[in-house]
């Protein structure tokens, strides 16, 4: 697909992207780079980060990678400082690091719930907090003519309700609230523009591969079989249109609420009770 934007629209800009080594985060990294930006990627998994940086550099995109966990303030501070030292400034911060796993509320431990909140919500705030001095008007590496940009990656799950997603729904609701409040306060005080994007399910991404068992895809043409598994949307009474995953309709508005997911279905998509499974290059 041809981009509607000028190829040099981000020329001279430096973007730091958490979770930028895979999935949606990597595509953002690549598209920003193709439109002129220099890219810094932060992620927990060094191998994923290094591979992403190599891929970007093969496209002629200036790129650097830094291993770090957004849950740790010291990592956030170190990566932001390293990005500044490497490129001389930071213009854009994209908070794309996220965690997710399928689990029913009764089987979700408080620790598992807290883990997703820590990555998505606390991690987003921590990165913003540590980047403030680099993004604000007149900040480090910036002129007094204007501030930088923060882009938070949210989701659509919390706008209604979703099966087995109470953890990420709560976390992304918090991400949205963080974005709105920073847009008000930091937009006013520091001339920083804060936006949020809430993508729906996107086929072929690490997030979808973890949230949708392969058995769903193989049986997606059979709606009765598909309903035995986990639709990521609200019951029909809470929505007014069909819901599709990987272009396959899993539940029609007129259908009854789906059956509760079996233990086998949870196992096939990596059921998480005590152990955390990350979504994206966190």
Protein backbone atom coordinates (compact mmCIF):
# COMPACT_ATOMS: atom_id res chain seq x y z
CA UNK A 1 0.00 0.00 0.00
CA UNK A 2 1.39 3.37 -1.01
CA UNK A 3 1.73 5.89 1.78
CA UNK A 4 -0.45 9.01 1.55
CA UNK A 5 2.28 11.04 3.27
CA UNK A 6 5.28 12.76 1.81
CA UNK A 7 8.35 10.55 2.05
CA UNK A 8 10.27 13.23 3.97
CA UNK A 9 7.51 14.29 6.34
CA UNK A 10 9.55 13.13 9.36
CA UNK A 11 12.95 14.15 8.02
CA UNK A 12 15.29 15.15 10.84
CA UNK A 13 13.02 13.74 13.56
CA UNK A 14 14.10 11.18 16.16
CA UNK A 15 11.52 8.66 17.40
CA UNK A 16 11.89 6.35 20.40
CA UNK A 17 9.49 3.42 20.17
CA UNK A 18 8.93 1.00 23.04
CA UNK A 19 7.90 -2.44 21.87
CA UNK A 20 9.23 -1.40 18.47
CA UNK A 21 10.93 -4.69 17.68
CA UNK A 22 7.87 -6.67 16.57
CA UNK A 23 4.25 -6.49 15.53
CA UNK A 24 2.56 -3.10 15.38
CA UNK A 25 5.56 -1.47 17.04
CA UNK A 26 7.96 -2.63 14.35
CA UNK A 27 5.66 -1.48 11.56
CA UNK A 28 5.49 1.95 13.19
CA UNK A 29 9.28 1.95 13.41
CA UNK A 30 9.61 1.02 9.74
CA UNK A 31 7.04 3.53 8.51
CA UNK A 32 8.49 6.36 10.57
CA UNK A 33 11.93 5.47 9.22
CA UNK A 34 10.72 5.30 5.62
CA UNK A 35 9.33 8.80 6.06
CA UNK A 36 12.63 10.25 7.21
CA UNK A 37 12.89 9.67 10.95
CA UNK A 38 15.81 8.16 12.86
CA UNK A 39 14.59 5.29 15.02
CA UNK A 40 15.45 4.10 18.52
CA UNK A 41 13.84 0.84 19.64
CA UNK A 42 13.42 -0.24 23.26
CA UNK A 43 12.52 -3.82 24.14
CA UNK A 44 13.04 -6.53 26.74
CA UNK A 45 14.35 -9.14 24.32
CA UNK A 46 17.79 -8.21 22.98
CA UNK A 47 17.62 -10.66 20.10
CA UNK A 48 14.32 -9.19 18.88
CA UNK A 49 15.60 -5.64 19.23
CA UNK A 50 18.86 -6.40 17.41
CA UNK A 51 17.02 -8.13 14.57
CA UNK A 52 14.62 -5.21 14.17
CA UNK A 53 17.46 -2.69 14.10
CA UNK A 54 19.28 -4.77 11.48
CA UNK A 55 16.14 -4.89 9.34
CA UNK A 56 15.67 -1.14 9.59
CA UNK A 57 19.28 -0.44 8.75
CA UNK A 58 19.02 -2.69 5.69
CA UNK A 59 16.33 -0.28 4.47
CA UNK A 60 18.70 2.64 4.90
CA UNK A 61 16.99 3.84 8.08
CA UNK A 62 19.23 5.22 10.87
CA UNK A 63 18.39 2.98 13.81
CA UNK A 64 19.63 1.99 17.25
CA UNK A 65 18.33 -0.55 19.74
CA UNK A 66 18.36 -0.56 23.52
CA UNK A 67 17.43 -3.43 25.79
CA UNK A 68 15.16 -2.40 28.65
CA UNK A 69 11.96 -3.02 30.55
CA UNK A 70 9.41 -0.19 30.73
CA UNK A 71 8.36 -1.44 34.18
CA UNK A 72 11.74 -0.38 35.54
CA UNK A 73 12.31 3.34 35.97
CA UNK A 74 16.06 2.92 35.79
CA UNK A 75 15.73 1.20 32.40
CA UNK A 76 13.45 3.92 31.09
CA UNK A 77 15.87 6.61 32.21
CA UNK A 78 18.88 4.78 30.74
CA UNK A 79 17.26 4.14 27.36
CA UNK A 80 16.03 7.70 27.01
CA UNK A 81 19.46 9.06 27.90
CA UNK A 82 21.12 6.63 25.49
CA UNK A 83 18.77 7.68 22.69
CA UNK A 84 19.62 11.32 23.34
CA UNK A 85 23.34 10.59 23.40
CA UNK A 86 23.11 8.59 20.15
CA UNK A 87 20.93 10.96 18.12
CA UNK A 88 21.27 14.30 19.95
CA UNK A 89 17.55 14.77 20.61
CA UNK A 90 14.18 13.05 20.97
CA UNK A 91 11.17 14.38 19.03
CA UNK A 92 8.67 11.54 19.30
CA UNK A 93 7.96 8.96 21.98
CA UNK A 94 5.75 6.02 20.99
CA UNK A 95 4.54 3.91 23.91
CA UNK A 96 3.89 0.57 22.23
CA UNK A 97 5.14 -1.92 24.81
CA UNK A 98 2.28 -4.05 26.08
CA UNK A 99 1.40 -7.28 27.84
CA UNK A 100 -1.60 -9.53 27.41
CA UNK A 101 -2.93 -13.05 27.91
CA UNK A 102 -6.31 -14.73 27.86
CA UNK A 103 -7.75 -15.56 31.26
CA UNK A 104 -11.13 -15.53 32.97
CA UNK A 105 -11.50 -13.10 35.90
CA UNK A 106 -11.90 -15.93 38.41
CA UNK A 107 -8.66 -17.56 37.26
CA UNK A 108 -6.64 -14.34 37.07
CA UNK A 109 -4.37 -13.78 40.06
CA UNK A 110 -3.94 -10.24 41.42
CA UNK A 111 -0.28 -10.54 40.45
CA UNK A 112 -1.17 -11.41 36.87
CA UNK A 113 -3.60 -8.49 36.74
CA UNK A 114 -0.96 -6.15 38.16
CA UNK A 115 1.66 -7.29 35.65
CA UNK A 116 -0.32 -6.09 32.64
CA UNK A 117 -1.12 -2.81 34.41
CA UNK A 118 2.56 -2.34 35.20
CA UNK A 119 3.63 -2.76 31.57
CA UNK A 120 0.84 -0.96 29.76
CA UNK A 121 -0.21 1.79 32.15
CA UNK A 122 2.66 2.33 34.59
CA UNK A 123 5.19 1.68 31.81
CA UNK A 124 3.54 4.31 29.61
CA UNK A 125 3.56 6.88 32.39
CA UNK A 126 7.14 6.04 33.38
CA UNK A 127 8.41 6.55 29.82
CA UNK A 128 6.53 9.83 29.51
CA UNK A 129 7.79 11.02 32.89
CA UNK A 130 11.43 10.28 32.09
CA UNK A 131 11.16 11.77 28.58
CA UNK A 132 9.59 15.06 29.68
CA UNK A 133 12.86 17.01 29.87
CA UNK A 134 13.67 15.96 26.30
CA UNK A 135 10.23 16.57 24.79
CA UNK A 136 9.16 19.85 26.39
CA UNK A 137 9.61 23.14 24.59
CA UNK A 138 13.14 24.37 25.24
CA UNK A 139 14.13 21.01 26.71
CA UNK A 140 17.35 19.08 26.14
CA UNK A 141 18.17 19.12 22.44
CA UNK A 142 15.07 21.18 21.63
CA UNK A 143 14.57 24.78 20.61
CA UNK A 144 12.06 27.09 22.25
CA UNK A 145 9.85 26.98 19.15
CA UNK A 146 7.85 23.94 20.19
CA UNK A 147 7.64 20.68 22.08
CA UNK A 148 7.69 17.08 20.95
CA UNK A 149 5.07 14.38 20.47
CA UNK A 150 3.87 11.44 22.58
CA UNK A 151 1.88 8.69 20.89
CA UNK A 152 0.27 6.03 23.10
CA UNK A 153 -0.87 2.72 21.59
CA UNK A 154 -4.12 1.64 23.21
CA UNK A 155 -6.79 -0.91 22.19
CA UNK A 156 -10.56 -1.10 21.70
CA UNK A 157 -11.35 -3.82 24.25
CA UNK A 158 -12.37 -1.48 27.07
CA UNK A 159 -14.81 0.62 25.05
CA UNK A 160 -17.48 -2.04 25.64
CA UNK A 161 -16.44 -5.35 27.21
CA UNK A 162 -14.39 -8.34 26.13
CA UNK A 163 -14.19 -12.01 27.09
CA UNK A 164 -11.09 -13.02 29.08
CA UNK A 165 -9.50 -9.58 28.69
CA UNK A 166 -10.26 -7.82 31.97
CA UNK A 167 -6.52 -7.33 32.52
CA UNK A 168 -5.71 -5.52 29.29
CA UNK A 169 -9.07 -3.71 29.22
CA UNK A 170 -8.29 -2.11 32.58
CA UNK A 171 -4.73 -1.34 31.51
CA UNK A 172 -5.69 0.29 28.22
CA UNK A 173 -8.42 2.32 29.91
CA UNK A 174 -5.66 3.70 32.11
CA UNK A 175 -3.46 4.38 29.07
CA UNK A 176 -6.28 6.42 27.52
CA UNK A 177 -6.71 8.39 30.75
CA UNK A 178 -2.97 9.06 30.95
CA UNK A 179 -3.01 10.37 27.39
CA UNK A 180 -5.97 12.68 27.93
CA UNK A 181 -4.55 14.16 31.12
CA UNK A 182 -1.05 14.66 29.69
CA UNK A 183 -2.55 16.24 26.58
CA UNK A 184 -4.32 18.76 28.82
CA UNK A 185 -1.49 19.49 31.25
CA UNK A 186 1.66 19.01 29.21
CA UNK A 187 0.07 20.45 26.10
CA UNK A 188 -0.69 23.59 28.09
CA UNK A 189 2.51 23.82 30.12
CA UNK A 190 5.15 22.34 27.81
CA UNK A 191 3.69 22.42 24.28
CA UNK A 192 3.86 18.61 24.01
CA UNK A 193 1.27 17.05 21.72
CA UNK A 194 -0.15 13.80 23.14
CA UNK A 195 -2.22 11.46 20.97
CA UNK A 196 -3.50 7.91 21.25
CA UNK A 197 -4.23 5.20 18.71
CA UNK A 198 -6.52 2.25 19.48
CA UNK A 199 -5.99 -0.49 16.87
CA UNK A 200 -8.39 -3.38 16.62
CA UNK A 201 -7.21 -6.98 16.10
CA UNK A 202 -4.61 -7.18 13.33
CA UNK A 203 -3.85 -10.52 11.73
CA UNK A 204 -0.26 -11.71 11.51
CA UNK A 205 0.95 -9.85 14.61
CA UNK A 206 2.48 -11.47 17.71
CA UNK A 207 -0.46 -10.24 19.75
CA UNK A 208 -2.98 -12.08 17.62
CA UNK A 209 -0.91 -15.26 17.52
CA UNK A 210 -0.97 -15.34 21.33
CA UNK A 211 -4.60 -14.36 21.76
CA UNK A 212 -6.16 -16.50 19.02
CA UNK A 213 -5.30 -20.22 19.10
CA UNK A 214 -4.45 -21.76 15.75
CA UNK A 215 -7.49 -24.00 16.18
CA UNK A 216 -9.73 -20.95 15.88
CA UNK A 217 -8.20 -20.05 12.54
CA UNK A 218 -8.50 -23.61 11.26
CA UNK A 219 -12.19 -23.75 12.22
CA UNK A 220 -13.11 -20.13 11.60
CA UNK A 221 -15.24 -21.04 8.59
CA UNK A 222 -17.47 -23.08 10.89
CA UNK A 223 -19.13 -20.48 13.09
CA UNK A 224 -20.52 -23.11 15.49
CA UNK A 225 -17.05 -24.52 16.05
CA UNK A 226 -15.54 -21.07 16.32
CA UNK A 227 -17.94 -20.10 19.10
CA UNK A 228 -16.43 -22.80 21.30
CA UNK A 229 -13.35 -20.63 21.51
CA UNK A 230 -12.69 -17.10 22.68
CA UNK A 231 -14.20 -14.13 20.84
CA UNK A 232 -12.38 -11.00 21.96
CA UNK A 233 -15.53 -8.90 21.86
CA UNK A 234 -18.49 -8.12 24.04
CA UNK A 235 -21.65 -10.25 24.04
CA UNK A 236 -24.05 -9.36 21.20
CA UNK A 237 -26.26 -7.26 23.48
CA UNK A 238 -23.35 -4.82 23.94
CA UNK A 239 -22.53 -4.27 20.30
CA UNK A 240 -24.32 -3.47 17.08
CA UNK A 241 -22.27 -5.08 14.33
CA UNK A 242 -20.42 -8.26 13.42
CA UNK A 243 -17.00 -8.73 14.91
CA UNK A 244 -14.18 -10.15 12.83
CA UNK A 245 -10.82 -11.61 13.70
CA UNK A 246 -8.42 -12.36 10.87
CA UNK A 247 -11.26 -11.57 8.45
CA UNK A 248 -13.35 -14.45 9.84
CA UNK A 249 -16.62 -13.65 11.59
CA UNK A 250 -16.66 -15.40 14.96
CA UNK A 251 -19.97 -14.12 16.31
CA UNK A 252 -22.98 -12.49 14.68
CA UNK A 253 -25.04 -9.87 16.55
CA UNK A 254 -28.04 -12.18 16.65
CA UNK A 255 -26.13 -15.13 18.08
CA UNK A 256 -26.29 -16.14 21.76
CA UNK A 257 -23.37 -15.32 24.08
CA UNK A 258 -20.41 -17.67 23.45
CA UNK A 259 -19.71 -20.66 25.65
CA UNK A 260 -17.10 -20.32 28.36
CA UNK A 261 -13.66 -21.24 27.16
CA UNK A 262 -12.47 -24.73 28.03
CA UNK A 263 -9.21 -25.43 29.82
CA UNK A 264 -7.93 -27.04 26.62
CA UNK A 265 -8.62 -23.90 24.65
CA UNK A 266 -6.72 -21.84 27.21
CA UNK A 267 -3.81 -24.27 27.06
CA UNK A 268 -3.62 -24.01 23.29
CA UNK A 269 -3.13 -20.25 23.48
CA UNK A 270 -0.80 -20.32 26.47
CA UNK A 271 -3.14 -19.97 29.47
CA UNK A 272 -1.64 -17.63 32.00
CA UNK A 273 -2.37 -17.78 35.70
CA UNK A 274 0.87 -17.13 37.57
CA UNK A 275 3.41 -16.83 34.77
CA UNK A 276 3.34 -13.78 32.54
CA UNK A 277 3.40 -14.01 28.76
CA UNK A 278 4.34 -10.79 26.96
CA UNK A 279 2.62 -9.34 23.93
CA UNK A 280 5.02 -7.61 21.59
CA UNK A 281 8.64 -6.69 22.18
CA UNK A 282 8.17 -5.37 25.69
